[in-house]
């Protein structure tokens, strides 16, 4: 029996996952090292001051995410439609928006520095440190926001490794400049902020040109319609709202923690957030990996592959967060010492905070995966509701309520409670959707009609001739079960055999450890065949065309290889070849 071995799904997931995680970790590690240096060189009050400024930093990332995720997501759709002109227009528009808004924030923020610092510090003893940090950070706001342009546009070109390199450059520079400005130059909090800004600026200057050359296909063009701005905002809203809610919740939680536990508790919160940035690298990396894969399969109506991707993401995500939580709980005291929280008073608050908050990471992983999943399949309302619940409403309400009875421990517990309550949003909204749309089923809201009615088949073929011949024989049974006429059955069976043989010969070149995915949809108005594999880039359609032009007769062996394509081309409505997901993709519609 022919089965889908999910080899390509697993391989594609891994290929997208590693650069995504490393890119995010590159930025998060520099964020964490900032806090380590602040705690060890400048003291625990410096940690508390950085925590108070975090809402401002999150605001900058929110605007950058809104513009660049929205525009790059739209650009990827237009690239798929072979409309590179509009994709370049979106790229140009996102760059202009970042420069304009980033420049405006930098200038206006510097002019209004005192009111901003007063708002963040709330007139507390940390005012001086917060002022120094903002003095270095706010004028460089444009640099922080600009990072998101190459990061997101590299990803849609399938060059996520360049985004990873950019963040690694930024992390290394940030750490080196942190040490130089604070330890050598004695510049204090201002030096920490300046290091963050300069490292971002240099990394962007190095990597931005790769969008235009070395395989980059983007160009600056004239912007014909500002109506694209509104669409960018809508598409980029879920991840941007997540950052925006974090700005508000972090500000409120800092104030609540300060009133309940004092500066030591705020420093502990900054410490926990810093450690959690490592976990967030994995959380964000896995959830963002789901998006492009699910997007392609959703467009193909391949519900089985979608379920496999989500299942793989949830299993991998939960396992990684369980391991992470156990490790930081076991070594919590040693981690505190690394951050300069060595006294008994500091550890009495920081250790329980780290251990209790780490429990919430498993729930955070699952919720984040579903946010990106629902966003990808067009269920933006559900994604935004989950984001609102876990990012703002639930965490603030539970933190306030539990702090009244459990004190500072209630605030730490509220993170896990918030994630659990967010599961209720998923359950309620999915149930409502299923009531309205009866053809859908399950938490993924997918239509399984093709599979249940036997009109869809998905299987993997090994890269040996014997495996190809076996698949060709067995596919005839599927065609017969779908009541196709003999001519269609013969054409499909022969096409599969010839295309697979061509790919085995020209794509894998003797490598028998790979496989080819074949999917067939049979509907009343159209039959769709899809072939997908890794290996060397090879377009059998162009190969067939070239063979037709150069062959002198059927005695030409290459021409003979292409007879399957010759037959199917006579009855095919449309034949396409793409390299989406970095793989060979052949689509034939009859």
Protein backbone atom coordinates (compact mmCIF):
# COMPACT_ATOMS: atom_id res chain seq x y z
CA UNK A 1 0.00 0.00 0.00
CA UNK A 2 1.31 3.42 -0.94
CA UNK A 3 1.82 5.74 2.03
CA UNK A 4 3.12 9.26 2.66
CA UNK A 5 6.36 8.94 4.63
CA UNK A 6 6.33 12.69 5.47
CA UNK A 7 10.05 12.81 4.64
CA UNK A 8 9.76 16.14 2.80
CA UNK A 9 7.60 17.69 5.51
CA UNK A 10 10.11 16.76 8.19
CA UNK A 11 13.02 17.92 6.04
CA UNK A 12 11.35 21.22 5.11
CA UNK A 13 10.35 21.83 8.71
CA UNK A 14 13.94 21.36 9.86
CA UNK A 15 15.30 23.58 7.07
CA UNK A 16 12.99 26.46 8.02
CA UNK A 17 13.26 25.87 11.76
CA UNK A 18 17.00 26.11 12.35
CA UNK A 19 17.59 29.54 10.69
CA UNK A 20 14.42 30.92 12.31
CA UNK A 21 15.44 29.85 15.80
CA UNK A 22 19.06 30.94 15.40
CA UNK A 23 18.03 34.33 13.99
CA UNK A 24 15.70 34.99 16.92
CA UNK A 25 18.16 33.58 19.44
CA UNK A 26 20.87 35.83 18.03
CA UNK A 27 18.81 38.86 18.98
CA UNK A 28 17.56 37.36 22.23
CA UNK A 29 21.02 36.32 23.40
CA UNK A 30 22.29 39.87 22.98
CA UNK A 31 19.23 41.04 24.95
CA UNK A 32 20.06 38.55 27.69
CA UNK A 33 23.76 39.47 27.74
CA UNK A 34 22.77 43.13 28.10
CA UNK A 35 20.98 42.14 31.30
CA UNK A 36 23.87 39.98 32.52
CA UNK A 37 26.35 42.83 32.04
CA UNK A 38 23.92 45.31 33.58
CA UNK A 39 23.45 43.10 36.64
CA UNK A 40 27.12 42.21 37.17
CA UNK A 41 28.74 45.52 36.22
CA UNK A 42 26.12 48.10 37.20
CA UNK A 43 24.12 46.25 39.88
CA UNK A 44 20.58 44.94 40.34
CA UNK A 45 19.09 48.44 39.99
CA UNK A 46 20.37 48.48 36.41
CA UNK A 47 18.39 45.30 35.75
CA UNK A 48 15.30 46.94 37.19
CA UNK A 49 15.86 50.06 35.06
CA UNK A 50 16.15 47.98 31.88
CA UNK A 51 12.91 46.21 32.79
CA UNK A 52 11.17 49.57 33.13
CA UNK A 53 12.39 50.58 29.64
CA UNK A 54 11.32 47.28 28.02
CA UNK A 55 7.88 48.68 27.03
CA UNK A 56 9.62 51.29 24.87
CA UNK A 57 11.80 48.65 23.21
CA UNK A 58 8.73 46.48 22.59
CA UNK A 59 6.94 49.45 21.02
CA UNK A 60 9.73 49.80 18.45
CA UNK A 61 9.62 46.08 17.64
CA UNK A 62 5.82 46.27 17.36
CA UNK A 63 5.96 48.96 14.68
CA UNK A 64 8.75 47.16 12.83
CA UNK A 65 6.82 43.88 12.96
CA UNK A 66 3.55 45.47 11.84
CA UNK A 67 5.12 47.04 8.75
CA UNK A 68 7.58 44.34 7.72
CA UNK A 69 5.62 41.17 8.51
CA UNK A 70 2.52 42.62 6.84
CA UNK A 71 4.35 43.78 3.72
CA UNK A 72 6.53 40.67 3.36
CA UNK A 73 3.54 38.35 3.78
CA UNK A 74 1.68 40.21 1.03
CA UNK A 75 4.81 40.26 -1.13
CA UNK A 76 5.12 36.47 -0.86
CA UNK A 77 1.57 36.09 -2.19
CA UNK A 78 2.31 38.33 -5.18
CA UNK A 79 5.57 36.49 -5.86
CA UNK A 80 3.54 33.27 -5.93
CA UNK A 81 1.29 34.93 -8.51
CA UNK A 82 4.39 35.91 -10.50
CA UNK A 83 3.68 39.61 -9.84
CA UNK A 84 7.16 40.74 -8.83
CA UNK A 85 6.32 44.37 -9.62
CA UNK A 86 3.83 44.64 -6.75
CA UNK A 87 6.19 42.68 -4.50
CA UNK A 88 8.89 45.28 -5.17
CA UNK A 89 6.37 48.03 -4.51
CA UNK A 90 5.60 46.49 -1.11
CA UNK A 91 9.32 46.18 -0.38
CA UNK A 92 9.85 49.84 -1.26
CA UNK A 93 6.83 50.93 0.76
CA UNK A 94 7.94 49.03 3.86
CA UNK A 95 11.41 50.60 3.65
CA UNK A 96 9.94 54.10 3.29
CA UNK A 97 7.52 53.56 6.19
CA UNK A 98 10.26 52.28 8.50
CA UNK A 99 12.55 55.18 7.64
CA UNK A 100 9.79 57.77 8.04
CA UNK A 101 8.27 56.43 11.26
CA UNK A 102 11.64 55.43 12.70
CA UNK A 103 13.06 58.86 11.98
CA UNK A 104 10.00 60.56 13.44
CA UNK A 105 10.18 58.50 16.64
CA UNK A 106 13.91 59.15 16.98
CA UNK A 107 13.53 62.92 16.63
CA UNK A 108 10.29 63.33 18.59
CA UNK A 109 11.47 60.93 21.28
CA UNK A 110 14.69 62.88 21.80
CA UNK A 111 12.78 66.15 22.06
CA UNK A 112 10.32 64.63 24.56
CA UNK A 113 12.94 62.64 26.46
CA UNK A 114 12.09 64.01 29.91
CA UNK A 115 8.32 63.27 29.78
CA UNK A 116 9.01 59.77 28.44
CA UNK A 117 11.49 59.01 31.23
CA UNK A 118 9.09 60.35 33.85
CA UNK A 119 6.36 58.08 32.49
CA UNK A 120 8.58 54.99 32.48
CA UNK A 121 10.17 55.59 35.88
CA UNK A 122 7.02 56.85 37.60
CA UNK A 123 9.21 59.20 39.66
CA UNK A 124 10.99 56.32 41.42
CA UNK A 125 14.60 55.91 42.46
CA UNK A 126 15.51 54.41 39.08
CA UNK A 127 14.94 57.70 37.24
CA UNK A 128 18.62 58.50 36.64
CA UNK A 129 19.46 55.08 35.18
CA UNK A 130 16.35 55.06 32.99
CA UNK A 131 17.24 58.53 31.68
CA UNK A 132 20.75 57.39 30.70
CA UNK A 133 19.44 54.31 28.92
CA UNK A 134 16.73 56.21 27.02
CA UNK A 135 19.25 58.87 26.02
CA UNK A 136 21.17 56.20 24.11
CA UNK A 137 18.22 54.14 22.86
CA UNK A 138 15.58 56.62 21.67
CA UNK A 139 17.68 58.53 19.07
CA UNK A 140 18.56 55.16 17.55
CA UNK A 141 14.96 53.93 17.28
CA UNK A 142 15.18 53.89 13.49
CA UNK A 143 18.06 51.38 13.67
CA UNK A 144 16.08 48.96 15.86
CA UNK A 145 13.09 49.08 13.49
CA UNK A 146 15.19 48.72 10.32
CA UNK A 147 16.36 45.24 11.36
CA UNK A 148 12.93 43.82 10.49
CA UNK A 149 13.15 44.74 6.79
CA UNK A 150 15.89 42.30 5.70
CA UNK A 151 14.83 39.71 8.29
CA UNK A 152 11.35 39.26 6.81
CA UNK A 153 12.17 39.74 3.14
CA UNK A 154 15.07 37.25 3.31
CA UNK A 155 12.60 34.70 4.67
CA UNK A 156 10.13 34.88 1.77
CA UNK A 157 12.97 34.37 -0.72
CA UNK A 158 13.91 31.16 1.06
CA UNK A 159 17.13 32.72 2.36
CA UNK A 160 16.37 32.68 6.06
CA UNK A 161 20.02 31.85 6.78
CA UNK A 162 20.91 35.45 5.84
CA UNK A 163 18.55 36.73 8.52
CA UNK A 164 20.26 34.36 10.92
CA UNK A 165 23.67 35.75 9.94
CA UNK A 166 22.41 39.32 10.43
CA UNK A 167 21.22 38.61 13.95
CA UNK A 168 24.42 36.75 14.83
CA UNK A 169 26.46 39.75 13.64
CA UNK A 170 24.26 42.00 15.73
CA UNK A 171 24.62 39.76 18.80
CA UNK A 172 28.42 39.53 18.60
CA UNK A 173 28.79 43.27 18.07
CA UNK A 174 26.35 44.05 20.88
CA UNK A 175 28.21 41.89 23.38
CA UNK A 176 31.60 43.32 22.38
CA UNK A 177 30.38 46.92 22.49
CA UNK A 178 28.55 46.31 25.79
CA UNK A 179 31.79 45.25 27.43
CA UNK A 180 33.81 48.04 25.81
CA UNK A 181 31.40 50.85 26.68
CA UNK A 182 30.66 49.71 30.25
CA UNK A 183 33.84 48.03 31.50
CA UNK A 184 36.51 49.94 29.54
CA UNK A 185 34.87 53.32 28.95
CA UNK A 186 32.67 53.39 32.07
CA UNK A 187 29.67 54.74 30.13
CA UNK A 188 27.09 52.92 32.28
CA UNK A 189 23.49 52.59 31.09
CA UNK A 190 24.08 54.97 28.19
CA UNK A 191 26.82 52.64 26.94
CA UNK A 192 24.50 49.61 27.04
CA UNK A 193 21.87 51.41 24.95
CA UNK A 194 24.45 52.79 22.51
CA UNK A 195 25.84 49.28 21.98
CA UNK A 196 22.35 48.01 21.09
CA UNK A 197 21.78 50.79 18.56
CA UNK A 198 25.20 50.60 16.89
CA UNK A 199 25.15 46.81 16.59
CA UNK A 200 21.74 46.96 14.88
CA UNK A 201 22.90 49.73 12.52
CA UNK A 202 26.08 47.92 11.48
CA UNK A 203 24.29 44.57 10.99
CA UNK A 204 21.64 46.16 8.76
CA UNK A 205 24.24 48.05 6.72
CA UNK A 206 26.15 44.81 6.10
CA UNK A 207 23.18 42.59 5.22
CA UNK A 208 20.68 44.95 3.53
CA UNK A 209 22.56 44.95 0.16
CA UNK A 210 22.03 41.17 -0.09
CA UNK A 211 18.37 41.94 -0.83
CA UNK A 212 19.54 43.29 -4.20
CA UNK A 213 22.39 40.95 -5.20
CA UNK A 214 23.88 37.52 -4.44
CA UNK A 215 20.55 35.90 -5.30
CA UNK A 216 18.37 38.76 -4.06
CA UNK A 217 15.64 39.87 -6.41
CA UNK A 218 14.18 42.98 -4.78
CA UNK A 219 14.37 46.46 -6.29
CA UNK A 220 13.22 49.93 -5.27
CA UNK A 221 10.34 51.07 -7.50
CA UNK A 222 7.83 53.91 -7.56
CA UNK A 223 4.85 53.51 -5.22
CA UNK A 224 1.60 53.85 -7.16
CA UNK A 225 -0.97 53.21 -4.42
CA UNK A 226 -0.90 54.13 -0.73
CA UNK A 227 -3.93 51.88 -0.32
CA UNK A 228 -1.43 49.09 0.28
CA UNK A 229 -0.68 50.61 3.69
CA UNK A 230 -4.09 49.64 5.04
CA UNK A 231 -3.70 46.07 3.82
CA UNK A 232 -0.23 45.86 5.35
CA UNK A 233 -1.63 46.85 8.74
CA UNK A 234 -4.39 44.21 8.58
CA UNK A 235 -2.10 41.38 7.51
CA UNK A 236 0.61 42.25 10.03
CA UNK A 237 -1.79 42.78 12.94
CA UNK A 238 -1.54 39.47 14.91
CA UNK A 239 2.23 39.48 15.59
CA UNK A 240 2.25 43.27 15.93
CA UNK A 241 -0.60 43.21 18.44
CA UNK A 242 1.30 40.58 20.40
CA UNK A 243 4.20 43.00 20.77
CA UNK A 244 1.87 45.92 21.49
CA UNK A 245 0.07 44.05 24.24
CA UNK A 246 3.46 43.13 25.68
CA UNK A 247 4.30 46.84 25.87
CA UNK A 248 1.17 47.56 27.90
CA UNK A 249 1.29 44.43 30.07
CA UNK A 250 5.00 44.83 30.85
CA UNK A 251 4.45 48.44 31.91
CA UNK A 252 1.48 47.51 34.13
CA UNK A 253 3.22 44.44 35.57
CA UNK A 254 6.35 46.45 36.36
CA UNK A 255 4.22 48.93 38.30
CA UNK A 256 2.33 46.14 40.09
CA UNK A 257 5.50 44.20 40.92
CA UNK A 258 7.20 47.37 42.18
CA UNK A 259 4.30 48.07 44.53
CA UNK A 260 4.10 44.48 45.79
CA UNK A 261 7.76 43.45 45.98
CA UNK A 262 9.91 46.56 45.47
CA UNK A 263 12.98 47.07 43.22
CA UNK A 264 14.37 43.60 43.99
CA UNK A 265 11.19 42.01 42.62
CA UNK A 266 11.34 44.21 39.51
CA UNK A 267 14.95 43.14 38.98
CA UNK A 268 13.81 39.52 39.35
CA UNK A 269 11.12 40.11 36.73
CA UNK A 270 13.74 41.55 34.36
CA UNK A 271 15.91 38.52 35.11
CA UNK A 272 13.05 36.10 34.33
CA UNK A 273 12.20 37.96 31.11
CA UNK A 274 15.83 37.80 30.06
CA UNK A 275 16.00 34.03 30.59
CA UNK A 276 12.68 33.58 28.85
CA UNK A 277 14.06 35.28 25.75
CA UNK A 278 15.99 32.06 25.11
CA UNK A 279 12.78 30.06 25.33
CA UNK A 280 11.00 32.63 23.16
CA UNK A 281 13.59 32.05 20.46
CA UNK A 282 12.42 28.43 20.23
CA UNK A 283 8.74 29.36 20.68
CA UNK A 284 8.86 31.99 17.92
CA UNK A 285 11.09 29.87 15.68
CA UNK A 286 8.74 26.87 15.73
CA UNK A 287 5.55 28.92 15.37
CA UNK A 288 6.98 30.98 12.50
CA UNK A 289 8.12 27.78 10.78
CA UNK A 290 4.51 26.56 10.79
CA UNK A 291 3.32 29.58 8.80
CA UNK A 292 5.01 29.13 5.37
CA UNK A 293 4.51 25.36 5.34
CA UNK A 294 0.85 25.50 6.33
CA UNK A 295 0.31 28.36 3.88
CA UNK A 296 1.48 26.28 0.92
CA UNK A 297 -0.43 23.15 1.95
CA UNK A 298 -3.58 25.13 2.73
CA UNK A 299 -3.50 26.61 -0.75
CA UNK A 300 -3.20 23.06 -2.11
CA UNK A 301 -6.10 21.78 0.08
CA UNK A 302 -3.69 19.18 1.48
CA UNK A 303 -5.28 18.66 4.90
CA UNK A 304 -3.15 15.63 5.75
CA UNK A 305 0.11 17.55 5.39
CA UNK A 306 -1.30 20.45 7.40
CA UNK A 307 -2.18 18.12 10.27
CA UNK A 308 1.30 16.60 10.09
CA UNK A 309 3.00 20.01 10.25
CA UNK A 310 0.95 21.20 13.23
CA UNK A 311 1.35 17.88 15.05
CA UNK A 312 5.11 17.97 14.48
CA UNK A 313 5.32 21.56 15.72
CA UNK A 314 3.27 20.89 18.87
CA UNK A 315 5.20 17.72 19.79
CA UNK A 316 8.60 19.30 19.20
CA UNK A 317 7.58 22.54 20.90
CA UNK A 318 6.15 20.94 24.03
CA UNK A 319 9.11 18.60 24.43
CA UNK A 320 11.64 21.43 24.07
CA UNK A 321 9.81 23.61 26.61
CA UNK A 322 9.56 20.77 29.15
CA UNK A 323 13.31 20.18 28.89
CA UNK A 324 14.03 23.92 29.09
CA UNK A 325 11.82 24.36 32.17
CA UNK A 326 13.46 21.45 33.97
CA UNK A 327 16.98 22.69 33.23
CA UNK A 328 16.44 26.27 34.40
CA UNK A 329 14.64 25.03 37.52
CA UNK A 330 17.51 22.70 38.44
CA UNK A 331 20.16 25.38 37.83
CA UNK A 332 18.11 28.40 38.93
CA UNK A 333 20.51 29.53 41.69
CA UNK A 334 23.56 29.29 39.46
CA UNK A 335 21.75 31.30 36.77
CA UNK A 336 20.91 33.98 39.33
CA UNK A 337 24.59 34.32 40.22
CA UNK A 338 25.48 34.79 36.53
CA UNK A 339 23.08 37.75 36.43
CA UNK A 340 24.57 39.26 39.57
CA UNK A 341 21.67 38.25 41.84
CA UNK A 342 23.84 36.58 44.47
CA UNK A 343 22.50 37.83 47.81
CA UNK A 344 20.05 35.79 49.87
CA UNK A 345 17.39 38.50 49.56
CA UNK A 346 17.67 38.64 45.78
CA UNK A 347 17.63 34.86 45.33
CA UNK A 348 14.68 34.43 47.69
CA UNK A 349 12.57 36.25 45.08
CA UNK A 350 14.38 35.49 41.81
CA UNK A 351 14.64 31.69 42.18
CA UNK A 352 10.90 31.06 42.82
CA UNK A 353 10.06 33.59 40.09
CA UNK A 354 12.15 31.71 37.53
CA UNK A 355 10.86 28.26 38.51
CA UNK A 356 7.17 29.23 38.65
CA UNK A 357 7.20 31.29 35.44
CA UNK A 358 8.96 28.51 33.52
CA UNK A 359 5.87 26.31 33.93
CA UNK A 360 3.95 28.65 31.61
CA UNK A 361 6.32 28.04 28.69
CA UNK A 362 4.62 24.84 27.52
CA UNK A 363 1.27 26.63 27.26
CA UNK A 364 2.91 29.62 25.60
CA UNK A 365 4.37 27.35 22.94
CA UNK A 366 1.04 25.72 22.06
CA UNK A 367 -0.85 29.02 22.01
CA UNK A 368 1.77 30.69 19.83
CA UNK A 369 1.66 27.84 17.31
CA UNK A 370 -2.10 28.19 16.99
CA UNK A 371 -1.89 31.98 16.68
CA UNK A 372 0.37 31.65 13.63
CA UNK A 373 -1.70 28.75 12.30
CA UNK A 374 -5.01 30.62 12.40
CA UNK A 375 -3.36 33.75 11.01
CA UNK A 376 -2.01 31.73 8.06
CA UNK A 377 -5.34 30.12 7.12
CA UNK A 378 -7.11 33.49 7.22
CA UNK A 379 -8.72 33.17 10.67
CA UNK A 380 -7.25 36.48 11.82
CA UNK A 381 -10.09 37.10 14.28
CA UNK A 382 -9.30 33.93 16.23
CA UNK A 383 -5.57 34.69 16.18
CA UNK A 384 -6.16 38.22 17.46
CA UNK A 385 -8.51 37.02 20.22
CA UNK A 386 -5.93 34.53 21.51
CA UNK A 387 -3.29 37.26 21.36
CA UNK A 388 -5.49 39.70 23.26
CA UNK A 389 -6.29 37.15 25.95
CA UNK A 390 -2.81 35.81 26.69
CA UNK A 391 -0.94 39.02 25.90
CA UNK A 392 -3.00 41.50 27.91
CA UNK A 393 -6.39 40.73 29.48
CA UNK A 394 -5.77 37.43 31.24
CA UNK A 395 -2.26 38.19 32.47
CA UNK A 396 -3.20 41.58 33.94
CA UNK A 397 -6.45 40.39 35.56
CA UNK A 398 -4.99 37.22 37.05
CA UNK A 399 -1.81 38.98 38.21
CA UNK A 400 -3.83 41.62 40.05
CA UNK A 401 -6.31 39.16 41.57
CA UNK A 402 -3.75 36.58 42.65
CA UNK A 403 -1.36 39.22 44.03
CA UNK A 404 -4.06 40.28 46.49
CA UNK A 405 -4.00 36.85 48.15
CA UNK A 406 -0.64 35.31 47.24
CA UNK A 407 1.51 38.42 47.00
CA UNK A 408 4.42 38.36 44.57
CA UNK A 409 3.99 34.59 44.05
CA UNK A 410 0.50 35.23 42.68
CA UNK A 411 2.01 37.37 39.93
CA UNK A 412 4.41 34.60 38.92
CA UNK A 413 1.57 32.03 38.92
CA UNK A 414 -0.60 34.28 36.75
CA UNK A 415 1.53 33.56 33.67
CA UNK A 416 0.52 29.88 33.66
CA UNK A 417 -3.12 30.69 34.46
CA UNK A 418 -3.18 33.13 31.54
CA UNK A 419 -2.01 30.46 29.10
CA UNK A 420 -4.65 28.01 30.37
CA UNK A 421 -7.40 30.60 29.97
CA UNK A 422 -6.20 31.21 26.41
CA UNK A 423 -6.97 27.58 25.60
CA UNK A 424 -10.59 28.42 26.41
CA UNK A 425 -10.58 31.07 23.68
CA UNK A 426 -9.44 28.44 21.17
CA UNK A 427 -12.12 25.99 22.32
CA UNK A 428 -14.94 28.56 22.27
CA UNK A 429 -14.06 30.22 18.95
CA UNK A 430 -13.47 26.90 17.20
CA UNK A 431 -16.79 25.55 18.46
CA UNK A 432 -18.56 28.65 17.12
CA UNK A 433 -16.87 28.27 13.73
CA UNK A 434 -17.83 24.59 13.49
CA UNK A 435 -21.47 25.44 14.20
CA UNK A 436 -21.55 27.91 11.32
CA UNK A 437 -19.42 25.95 8.84
CA UNK A 438 -20.54 22.33 9.00
CA UNK A 439 -18.11 21.12 6.35
CA UNK A 440 -15.18 21.87 8.68
CA UNK A 441 -13.95 19.63 11.47
CA UNK A 442 -11.46 19.60 14.33
CA UNK A 443 -9.50 22.31 16.08
CA UNK A 444 -7.66 23.03 12.81
CA UNK A 445 -10.93 23.93 11.05
CA UNK A 446 -10.16 21.85 7.95
CA UNK A 447 -12.38 20.39 5.25
CA UNK A 448 -11.75 16.63 5.06
CA UNK A 449 -14.37 15.91 2.38
CA UNK A 450 -11.83 15.01 -0.32
CA UNK A 451 -10.10 12.50 1.96
CA UNK A 452 -13.29 11.00 3.40
CA UNK A 453 -14.87 10.58 -0.03
CA UNK A 454 -11.74 8.96 -1.48
CA UNK A 455 -11.09 11.77 -3.97
CA UNK A 456 -7.62 12.58 -2.61
CA UNK A 457 -4.53 10.44 -2.33
CA UNK A 458 -1.07 11.29 -1.02
CA UNK A 459 1.93 8.99 -1.13
CA UNK A 460 5.72 8.99 -1.25
CA UNK A 461 7.82 7.22 -3.86
CA UNK A 462 11.39 6.10 -3.33
CA UNK A 463 14.09 7.12 -5.78
CA UNK A 464 14.52 3.67 -7.30
CA UNK A 465 13.02 2.54 -10.60
CA UNK A 466 11.25 -0.37 -8.89
CA UNK A 467 9.41 2.02 -6.54
CA UNK A 468 8.35 4.18 -9.47
CA UNK A 469 6.93 1.24 -11.41
CA UNK A 470 5.02 0.01 -8.37
CA UNK A 471 3.41 3.42 -7.83
CA UNK A 472 2.36 3.59 -11.47
CA UNK A 473 0.62 0.23 -11.23
CA UNK A 474 -1.22 0.98 -8.00
CA UNK A 475 -2.40 4.46 -9.01
CA UNK A 476 -4.68 2.85 -11.58
CA UNK A 477 -6.78 1.42 -8.74
CA UNK A 478 -7.26 4.91 -7.31
CA UNK A 479 -8.32 6.29 -10.71
CA UNK A 480 -10.80 3.44 -11.09
CA UNK A 481 -12.26 4.07 -7.62
CA UNK A 482 -12.85 7.69 -8.61
CA UNK A 483 -14.77 6.56 -11.74
CA UNK A 484 -12.35 8.15 -14.20
CA UNK A 485 -12.64 7.08 -17.84
CA UNK A 486 -9.97 4.76 -19.31
CA UNK A 487 -8.28 7.57 -21.24
CA UNK A 488 -7.85 9.70 -18.10
CA UNK A 489 -6.67 6.72 -16.04
CA UNK A 490 -4.07 5.77 -18.63
CA UNK A 491 -2.85 9.36 -19.00
CA UNK A 492 -2.50 9.87 -15.25
CA UNK A 493 -0.76 6.55 -14.67
CA UNK A 494 1.64 7.07 -17.57
CA UNK A 495 2.33 10.68 -16.59
CA UNK A 496 3.19 9.69 -13.04
CA UNK A 497 5.53 6.97 -14.25
CA UNK A 498 7.35 9.16 -16.80
CA UNK A 499 7.66 12.22 -14.57
CA UNK A 500 8.93 10.17 -11.64
CA UNK A 501 11.49 8.39 -13.82
CA UNK A 502 12.73 11.72 -15.17
CA UNK A 503 13.07 13.09 -11.65
CA UNK A 504 14.83 9.99 -10.35
CA UNK A 505 17.39 10.25 -13.16
CA UNK A 506 17.96 14.01 -13.28
CA UNK A 507 17.23 15.23 -9.75
CA UNK A 508 18.76 12.64 -7.46
CA UNK A 509 21.49 11.22 -9.70
CA UNK A 510 21.83 7.88 -7.91
CA UNK A 511 20.85 9.06 -4.42
CA UNK A 512 18.38 6.46 -3.13
CA UNK A 513 17.87 7.95 0.34
CA UNK A 514 15.41 10.62 -0.80
CA UNK A 515 11.78 10.42 -1.90
CA UNK A 516 9.19 12.15 -4.08
CA UNK A 517 5.76 13.18 -2.80
CA UNK A 518 2.80 12.66 -5.13
CA UNK A 519 -0.68 14.04 -4.45
CA UNK A 520 -3.79 13.67 -6.60
CA UNK A 521 -7.10 15.50 -6.20
CA UNK A 522 -10.10 14.34 -8.23
CA UNK A 523 -13.01 16.76 -8.46
CA UNK A 524 -15.92 17.09 -10.86
CA UNK A 525 -14.39 19.95 -12.82
CA UNK A 526 -10.68 19.22 -12.51
CA UNK A 527 -8.06 16.60 -11.68
CA UNK A 528 -4.89 17.96 -10.07
CA UNK A 529 -1.58 16.11 -9.78
CA UNK A 530 1.25 17.49 -7.65
CA UNK A 531 4.84 16.25 -7.50
CA UNK A 532 7.28 17.60 -4.93
CA UNK A 533 10.87 16.67 -4.11
CA UNK A 534 14.20 18.04 -2.98
CA UNK A 535 17.50 17.50 -4.75
CA UNK A 536 18.86 19.36 -7.76
CA UNK A 537 16.55 21.94 -9.31
CA UNK A 538 15.02 20.32 -12.37
CA UNK A 539 12.00 21.32 -14.44
CA UNK A 540 10.74 18.31 -16.41
CA UNK A 541 8.45 20.60 -18.39
CA UNK A 542 11.36 22.64 -19.74
CA UNK A 543 13.27 19.42 -20.28
CA UNK A 544 10.39 18.05 -22.37
CA UNK A 545 10.20 21.28 -24.38
CA UNK A 546 13.93 21.21 -25.06
CA UNK A 547 13.76 17.53 -26.02
CA UNK A 548 10.97 18.23 -28.49
CA UNK A 549 12.98 21.00 -30.13
CA UNK A 550 16.27 19.10 -30.40
CA UNK A 551 15.23 15.48 -31.04
CA UNK A 552 15.24 14.08 -34.56
CA UNK A 553 12.86 11.23 -33.89
CA UNK A 554 11.68 8.70 -31.38
CA UNK A 555 15.01 6.95 -31.51
CA UNK A 556 16.32 9.80 -29.33
CA UNK A 557 16.38 8.30 -25.83
CA UNK A 558 15.74 11.60 -24.07
CA UNK A 559 12.74 12.19 -26.30
CA UNK A 560 11.45 8.75 -25.46
CA UNK A 561 11.75 9.55 -21.75
CA UNK A 562 9.40 12.48 -22.23
CA UNK A 563 6.53 10.58 -23.86
CA UNK A 564 4.52 10.71 -20.63
CA UNK A 565 4.63 14.48 -20.61
CA UNK A 566 3.77 14.53 -24.30
CA UNK A 567 0.61 12.56 -23.66
CA UNK A 568 -0.50 14.51 -20.61
CA UNK A 569 0.19 17.87 -22.26
CA UNK A 570 -2.53 17.16 -24.83
CA UNK A 571 -5.29 16.96 -22.23
CA UNK A 572 -3.85 19.18 -19.49
CA UNK A 573 -5.55 22.51 -18.81
CA UNK A 574 -2.50 23.93 -17.05
CA UNK A 575 1.01 22.75 -16.19
CA UNK A 576 3.30 24.65 -13.79
CA UNK A 577 6.75 24.32 -12.26
CA UNK A 578 7.81 26.30 -9.16
CA UNK A 579 10.43 26.10 -6.42
CA UNK A 580 8.23 27.06 -3.48
CA UNK A 581 9.57 25.91 -0.09
CA UNK A 582 12.93 25.50 -1.82
CA UNK A 583 11.73 22.28 -3.49
CA UNK A 584 10.89 21.13 -7.00
CA UNK A 585 7.12 21.46 -7.50
CA UNK A 586 5.25 20.25 -10.58
CA UNK A 587 1.49 20.84 -10.82
CA UNK A 588 -0.62 19.37 -13.63
CA UNK A 589 -4.32 20.17 -13.95
CA UNK A 590 -6.51 18.06 -16.23
